[in-house]
Structure formats: C-alpha cells, structure tokens
Amino acid sequence: MSFSQRKVMKALRSRGFEVVREGGRHTVMRGLDGVQIVIPRHRELNRFTVRGIAEDADVDWDEFRKDIA
C-alpha cells in the first residue's frame, strides 16, 4: 500500500507544519514546536515511510492514515 506524497504534505500542513526548504529529492517541513520532518519527493510513499513521518510528527497513525486515504 502506498500513499500520495501530496496528501501527506497536505495533512501535515493542516497540523501546523510548513515547508522550510525543498531540495532535489526531499522536502523539509517544520512544525509549530520546531520538529523538522524530511519527506522524500516521490509521487507515492510506502506505508513504512509514511508511518515514520507520522511518528516524527507525533500524530496518531490511524488518524493520520484516515486523513491521507
């Protein structure tokens, strides 16, 4: 199962994260509490990567998955 990178970023933006910088292969987002998350710039992200992003963002996995499904 894979998830859209755009939907993942949209779900993070709705939780207060904003893009700090974009490189050739990764996007870095920062939350209101200063937590930085690195997101690979692929169209689709596998579930293990997305789950790690959710954990780094301190978001419940089931809630995050519903937002990006």
PDB file of N, CA and C in Angstrom:
ATOM      1  N   MET A   1       0.846  -1.176   0.000  1.00  0.00           N
ATOM      2  CA  MET A   1       0.000   0.000   0.000  1.00  0.00           C
ATOM      3  C   MET A   1       0.890   1.237   0.000  1.00  0.00           C
ATOM      4  N   SER A   2       0.522   2.196  -0.824  1.00  0.00           N
ATOM      5  CA  SER A   2       1.301   3.434  -0.878  1.00  0.00           C
ATOM      6  C   SER A   2       0.365   4.633  -0.735  1.00  0.00           C
ATOM      7  N   PHE A   3       0.971   5.760  -0.419  1.00  0.00           N
ATOM      8  CA  PHE A   3       0.216   6.985  -0.184  1.00  0.00           C
ATOM      9  C   PHE A   3       0.805   8.112  -1.015  1.00  0.00           C
ATOM     10  N   SER A   4      -0.034   9.032  -1.432  1.00  0.00           N
ATOM     11  CA  SER A   4       0.393  10.177  -2.221  1.00  0.00           C
ATOM     12  C   SER A   4       1.221  11.143  -1.373  1.00  0.00           C
ATOM     13  N   GLN A   5       2.338  11.547  -1.909  1.00  0.00           N
ATOM     14  CA  GLN A   5       3.209  12.499  -1.206  1.00  0.00           C
ATOM     15  C   GLN A   5       2.479  13.822  -0.995  1.00  0.00           C
ATOM     16  N   ARG A   6       1.693  14.233  -1.951  1.00  0.00           N
ATOM     17  CA  ARG A   6       0.949  15.497  -1.829  1.00  0.00           C
ATOM     18  C   ARG A   6      -0.067  15.447  -0.691  1.00  0.00           C
ATOM     19  N   LYS A   7      -0.744  14.308  -0.548  1.00  0.00           N
ATOM     20  CA  LYS A   7      -1.724  14.179   0.536  1.00  0.00           C
ATOM     21  C   LYS A   7      -1.045  14.164   1.899  1.00  0.00           C
ATOM     22  N   VAL A   8       0.134  13.552   1.959  1.00  0.00           N
ATOM     23  CA  VAL A   8       0.889  13.533   3.215  1.00  0.00           C
ATOM     24  C   VAL A   8       1.264  14.959   3.607  1.00  0.00           C
ATOM     25  N   MET A   9       1.757  15.732   2.640  1.00  0.00           N
ATOM     26  CA  MET A   9       2.141  17.115   2.924  1.00  0.00           C
ATOM     27  C   MET A   9       0.923  17.952   3.304  1.00  0.00           C
ATOM     28  N   LYS A  10      -0.199  17.721   2.647  1.00  0.00           N
ATOM     29  CA  LYS A  10      -1.427  18.458   2.959  1.00  0.00           C
ATOM     30  C   LYS A  10      -1.891  18.157   4.387  1.00  0.00           C
ATOM     31  N   ALA A  11      -1.809  16.886   4.782  1.00  0.00           N
ATOM     32  CA  ALA A  11      -2.205  16.505   6.140  1.00  0.00           C
ATOM     33  C   ALA A  11      -1.287  17.147   7.173  1.00  0.00           C
ATOM     34  N   LEU A  12       0.002  17.246   6.862  1.00  0.00           N
ATOM     35  CA  LEU A  12       0.936  17.889   7.786  1.00  0.00           C
ATOM     36  C   LEU A  12       0.675  19.393   7.866  1.00  0.00           C
ATOM     37  N   ARG A  13       0.383  20.026   6.726  1.00  0.00           N
ATOM     38  CA  ARG A  13       0.074  21.464   6.733  1.00  0.00           C
ATOM     39  C   ARG A  13      -1.146  21.751   7.594  1.00  0.00           C
ATOM     40  N   SER A  14      -2.130  20.863   7.548  1.00  0.00           N
ATOM     41  CA  SER A  14      -3.342  21.071   8.348  1.00  0.00           C
ATOM     42  C   SER A  14      -3.055  20.961   9.847  1.00  0.00           C
ATOM     43  N   ARG A  15      -1.905  20.386  10.197  1.00  0.00           N
ATOM     44  CA  ARG A  15      -1.496  20.265  11.596  1.00  0.00           C
ATOM     45  C   ARG A  15      -0.458  21.307  11.982  1.00  0.00           C
ATOM     46  N   GLY A  16      -0.280  22.320  11.152  1.00  0.00           N
ATOM     47  CA  GLY A  16       0.600  23.423  11.505  1.00  0.00           C
ATOM     48  C   GLY A  16       2.016  23.333  10.968  1.00  0.00           C
ATOM     49  N   PHE A  17       2.326  22.331  10.163  1.00  0.00           N
ATOM     50  CA  PHE A  17       3.656  22.224   9.571  1.00  0.00           C
ATOM     51  C   PHE A  17       3.731  23.100   8.332  1.00  0.00           C
ATOM     52  N   GLU A  18       4.914  23.645   8.080  1.00  0.00           N
ATOM     53  CA  GLU A  18       5.118  24.438   6.870  1.00  0.00           C
ATOM     54  C   GLU A  18       6.445  24.047   6.233  1.00  0.00           C
ATOM     55  N   VAL A  19       6.519  24.260   4.932  1.00  0.00           N
ATOM     56  CA  VAL A  19       7.722  23.898   4.182  1.00  0.00           C
ATOM     57  C   VAL A  19       8.841  24.870   4.531  1.00  0.00           C
ATOM     58  N   VAL A  20       9.988  24.318   4.929  1.00  0.00           N
ATOM     59  CA  VAL A  20      11.169  25.116   5.247  1.00  0.00           C
ATOM     60  C   VAL A  20      12.036  25.247   4.003  1.00  0.00           C
ATOM     61  N   ARG A  21      12.248  24.103   3.335  1.00  0.00           N
ATOM     62  CA  ARG A  21      13.028  24.125   2.096  1.00  0.00           C
ATOM     63  C   ARG A  21      12.710  22.888   1.278  1.00  0.00           C
ATOM     64  N   GLU A  22      12.977  22.999  -0.009  1.00  0.00           N
ATOM     65  CA  GLU A  22      12.792  21.882  -0.918  1.00  0.00           C
ATOM     66  C   GLU A  22      14.080  21.681  -1.701  1.00  0.00           C
ATOM     67  N   GLY A  23      14.567  20.467  -1.658  1.00  0.00           N
ATOM     68  CA  GLY A  23      15.749  20.127  -2.425  1.00  0.00           C
ATOM     69  C   GLY A  23      15.339  19.311  -3.634  1.00  0.00           C
ATOM     70  N   GLY A  24      16.299  18.704  -4.264  1.00  0.00           N
ATOM     71  CA  GLY A  24      16.010  17.900  -5.440  1.00  0.00           C
ATOM     72  C   GLY A  24      15.271  16.621  -5.115  1.00  0.00           C
ATOM     73  N   ARG A  25      15.551  16.060  -3.942  1.00  0.00           N
ATOM     74  CA  ARG A  25      14.975  14.767  -3.612  1.00  0.00           C
ATOM     75  C   ARG A  25      14.148  14.744  -2.336  1.00  0.00           C
ATOM     76  N   HIS A  26      14.206  15.794  -1.541  1.00  0.00           N
ATOM     77  CA  HIS A  26      13.481  15.818  -0.271  1.00  0.00           C
ATOM     78  C   HIS A  26      12.881  17.193  -0.002  1.00  0.00           C
ATOM     79  N   THR A  27      11.806  17.201   0.762  1.00  0.00           N
ATOM     80  CA  THR A  27      11.191  18.420   1.263  1.00  0.00           C
ATOM     81  C   THR A  27      11.303  18.391   2.779  1.00  0.00           C
ATOM     82  N   VAL A  28      11.677  19.512   3.371  1.00  0.00           N
ATOM     83  CA  VAL A  28      11.787  19.606   4.824  1.00  0.00           C
ATOM     84  C   VAL A  28      10.657  20.497   5.321  1.00  0.00           C
ATOM     85  N   MET A  29       9.900  19.969   6.295  1.00  0.00           N
ATOM     86  CA  MET A  29       8.807  20.724   6.895  1.00  0.00           C
ATOM     87  C   MET A  29       9.091  20.889   8.378  1.00  0.00           C
ATOM     88  N   ARG A  30       8.615  22.008   8.951  1.00  0.00           N
ATOM     89  CA  ARG A  30       8.816  22.280  10.372  1.00  0.00           C
ATOM     90  C   ARG A  30       7.464  22.553  11.017  1.00  0.00           C
ATOM     91  N   GLY A  31       7.270  21.974  12.190  1.00  0.00           N
ATOM     92  CA  GLY A  31       6.039  22.160  12.940  1.00  0.00           C
ATOM     93  C   GLY A  31       6.127  23.353  13.865  1.00  0.00           C
ATOM     94  N   LEU A  32       5.024  23.662  14.500  1.00  0.00           N
ATOM     95  CA  LEU A  32       4.963  24.795  15.417  1.00  0.00           C
ATOM     96  C   LEU A  32       5.885  24.609  16.616  1.00  0.00           C
ATOM     97  N   ASP A  33       6.136  23.355  16.984  1.00  0.00           N
ATOM     98  CA  ASP A  33       7.012  23.066  18.117  1.00  0.00           C
ATOM     99  C   ASP A  33       8.476  22.928  17.713  1.00  0.00           C
ATOM    100  N   GLY A  34       8.786  23.191  16.446  1.00  0.00           N
ATOM    101  CA  GLY A  34      10.165  23.153  15.973  1.00  0.00           C
ATOM    102  C   GLY A  34      10.614  21.819  15.418  1.00  0.00           C
ATOM    103  N   VAL A  35       9.757  20.816  15.442  1.00  0.00           N
ATOM    104  CA  VAL A  35      10.104  19.495  14.917  1.00  0.00           C
ATOM    105  C   VAL A  35      10.234  19.571  13.401  1.00  0.00           C
ATOM    106  N   GLN A  36      11.343  19.045  12.883  1.00  0.00           N
ATOM    107  CA  GLN A  36      11.554  19.012  11.435  1.00  0.00           C
ATOM    108  C   GLN A  36      11.320  17.607  10.912  1.00  0.00           C
ATOM    109  N   ILE A  37      10.659  17.529   9.771  1.00  0.00           N
ATOM    110  CA  ILE A  37      10.366  16.254   9.135  1.00  0.00           C
ATOM    111  C   ILE A  37      10.867  16.314   7.701  1.00  0.00           C
ATOM    112  N   VAL A  38      11.565  15.269   7.294  1.00  0.00           N
ATOM    113  CA  VAL A  38      12.083  15.173   5.933  1.00  0.00           C
ATOM    114  C   VAL A  38      11.183  14.219   5.162  1.00  0.00           C
ATOM    115  N   ILE A  39      10.664  14.697   4.026  1.00  0.00           N
ATOM    116  CA  ILE A  39       9.747  13.908   3.212  1.00  0.00           C
ATOM    117  C   ILE A  39      10.377  13.682   1.844  1.00  0.00           C
ATOM    118  N   PRO A  40      10.517  12.426   1.426  1.00  0.00           N
ATOM    119  CA  PRO A  40      11.055  12.152   0.094  1.00  0.00           C
ATOM    120  C   PRO A  40      10.134  12.729  -0.980  1.00  0.00           C
ATOM    121  N   ARG A  41      10.718  13.219  -2.061  1.00  0.00           N
ATOM    122  CA  ARG A  41       9.916  13.794  -3.141  1.00  0.00           C
ATOM    123  C   ARG A  41       9.669  12.746  -4.212  1.00  0.00           C
ATOM    124  N   HIS A  42       8.762  11.836  -3.886  1.00  0.00           N
ATOM    125  CA  HIS A  42       8.299  10.816  -4.819  1.00  0.00           C
ATOM    126  C   HIS A  42       6.794  10.978  -4.930  1.00  0.00           C
ATOM    127  N   ARG A  43       6.220  10.548  -6.036  1.00  0.00           N
ATOM    128  CA  ARG A  43       4.762  10.641  -6.162  1.00  0.00           C
ATOM    129  C   ARG A  43       4.065   9.800  -5.108  1.00  0.00           C
ATOM    130  N   GLU A  44       4.565   8.597  -4.904  1.00  0.00           N
ATOM    131  CA  GLU A  44       3.980   7.681  -3.934  1.00  0.00           C
ATOM    132  C   GLU A  44       5.011   7.331  -2.866  1.00  0.00           C
ATOM    133  N   LEU A  45       4.556   7.264  -1.618  1.00  0.00           N
ATOM    134  CA  LEU A  45       5.409   6.895  -0.493  1.00  0.00           C
ATOM    135  C   LEU A  45       4.876   5.596   0.101  1.00  0.00           C
ATOM    136  N   ASN A  46       5.775   4.670   0.444  1.00  0.00           N
ATOM    137  CA  ASN A  46       5.294   3.411   1.011  1.00  0.00           C
ATOM    138  C   ASN A  46       4.817   3.621   2.445  1.00  0.00           C
ATOM    139  N   ARG A  47       4.071   2.655   2.933  1.00  0.00           N
ATOM    140  CA  ARG A  47       3.425   2.817   4.245  1.00  0.00           C
ATOM    141  C   ARG A  47       4.423   2.907   5.386  1.00  0.00           C
ATOM    142  N   PHE A  48       5.592   2.284   5.238  1.00  0.00           N
ATOM    143  CA  PHE A  48       6.592   2.345   6.297  1.00  0.00           C
ATOM    144  C   PHE A  48       7.166   3.759   6.421  1.00  0.00           C
ATOM    145  N   THR A  49       7.409   4.390   5.286  1.00  0.00           N
ATOM    146  CA  THR A  49       7.912   5.765   5.280  1.00  0.00           C
ATOM    147  C   THR A  49       6.876   6.713   5.872  1.00  0.00           C
ATOM    148  N   VAL A  50       5.623   6.553   5.456  1.00  0.00           N
ATOM    149  CA  VAL A  50       4.554   7.436   5.933  1.00  0.00           C
ATOM    150  C   VAL A  50       4.313   7.234   7.428  1.00  0.00           C
ATOM    151  N   ARG A  51       4.402   6.011   7.878  1.00  0.00           N
ATOM    152  CA  ARG A  51       4.218   5.764   9.314  1.00  0.00           C
ATOM    153  C   ARG A  51       5.343   6.419  10.117  1.00  0.00           C
ATOM    154  N   GLY A  52       6.561   6.383   9.597  1.00  0.00           N
ATOM    155  CA  GLY A  52       7.678   7.057  10.254  1.00  0.00           C
ATOM    156  C   GLY A  52       7.484   8.559  10.298  1.00  0.00           C
ATOM    157  N   ILE A  53       6.939   9.120   9.218  1.00  0.00           N
ATOM    158  CA  ILE A  53       6.651  10.553   9.179  1.00  0.00           C
ATOM    159  C   ILE A  53       5.609  10.897  10.242  1.00  0.00           C
ATOM    160  N   ALA A  54       4.571  10.069  10.355  1.00  0.00           N
ATOM    161  CA  ALA A  54       3.526  10.302  11.361  1.00  0.00           C
ATOM    162  C   ALA A  54       4.105  10.235  12.773  1.00  0.00           C
ATOM    163  N   GLU A  55       4.992   9.278  13.014  1.00  0.00           N
ATOM    164  CA  GLU A  55       5.610   9.164  14.339  1.00  0.00           C
ATOM    165  C   GLU A  55       6.487  10.376  14.639  1.00  0.00           C
ATOM    166  N   ASP A  56       7.252  10.823  13.644  1.00  0.00           N
ATOM    167  CA  ASP A  56       8.096  12.004  13.836  1.00  0.00           C
ATOM    168  C   ASP A  56       7.255  13.242  14.133  1.00  0.00           C
ATOM    169  N   ALA A  57       6.069  13.310  13.503  1.00  0.00           N
ATOM    170  CA  ALA A  57       5.176  14.455  13.703  1.00  0.00           C
ATOM    171  C   ALA A  57       4.344  14.316  14.976  1.00  0.00           C
ATOM    172  N   ASP A  58       4.495  13.189  15.666  1.00  0.00           N
ATOM    173  CA  ASP A  58       3.745  12.906  16.889  1.00  0.00           C
ATOM    174  C   ASP A  58       2.239  12.919  16.635  1.00  0.00           C
ATOM    175  N   VAL A  59       1.843  12.220  15.546  1.00  0.00           N
ATOM    176  CA  VAL A  59       0.443  12.117  15.153  1.00  0.00           C
ATOM    177  C   VAL A  59       0.050  10.643  15.225  1.00  0.00           C
ATOM    178  N   ASP A  60      -1.144  10.372  15.731  1.00  0.00           N
ATOM    179  CA  ASP A  60      -1.644   9.004  15.791  1.00  0.00           C
ATOM    180  C   ASP A  60      -1.730   8.424  14.380  1.00  0.00           C
ATOM    181  N   TRP A  61      -1.201   7.229  14.186  1.00  0.00           N
ATOM    182  CA  TRP A  61      -1.120   6.616  12.858  1.00  0.00           C
ATOM    183  C   TRP A  61      -2.504   6.418  12.242  1.00  0.00           C
ATOM    184  N   ASP A  62      -3.461   5.902  12.995  1.00  0.00           N
ATOM    185  CA  ASP A  62      -4.794   5.656  12.445  1.00  0.00           C
ATOM    186  C   ASP A  62      -5.464   6.954  12.008  1.00  0.00           C
ATOM    187  N   GLU A  63      -5.318   7.986  12.798  1.00  0.00           N
ATOM    188  CA  GLU A  63      -5.887   9.294  12.455  1.00  0.00           C
ATOM    189  C   GLU A  63      -5.215   9.869  11.206  1.00  0.00           C
ATOM    190  N   PHE A  64      -3.896   9.762  11.149  1.00  0.00           N
ATOM    191  CA  PHE A  64      -3.142  10.285  10.007  1.00  0.00           C
ATOM    192  C   PHE A  64      -3.506   9.522   8.738  1.00  0.00           C
ATOM    193  N   ARG A  65      -3.637   8.206   8.854  1.00  0.00           N
ATOM    194  CA  ARG A  65      -3.964   7.377   7.689  1.00  0.00           C
ATOM    195  C   ARG A  65      -5.336   7.739   7.128  1.00  0.00           C
ATOM    196  N   LYS A  66      -6.295   8.038   7.997  1.00  0.00           N
ATOM    197  CA  LYS A  66      -7.622   8.440   7.531  1.00  0.00           C
ATOM    198  C   LYS A  66      -7.552   9.759   6.763  1.00  0.00           C
ATOM    199  N   ASP A  67      -6.691  10.665   7.208  1.00  0.00           N
ATOM    200  CA  ASP A  67      -6.558  11.964   6.545  1.00  0.00           C
ATOM    201  C   ASP A  67      -5.960  11.855   5.147  1.00  0.00           C
ATOM    202  N   ILE A  68      -5.110  10.864   4.931  1.00  0.00           N
ATOM    203  CA  ILE A  68      -4.418  10.782   3.643  1.00  0.00           C
ATOM    204  C   ILE A  68      -4.981   9.712   2.722  1.00  0.00           C
ATOM    205  N   ALA A  69      -5.961   8.956   3.184  1.00  0.00           N
ATOM    206  CA  ALA A  69      -6.539   7.886   2.359  1.00  0.00           C
ATOM    207  C   ALA A  69      -7.476   8.445   1.313  1.00  0.00           C
TER     208      ALA A  69
END
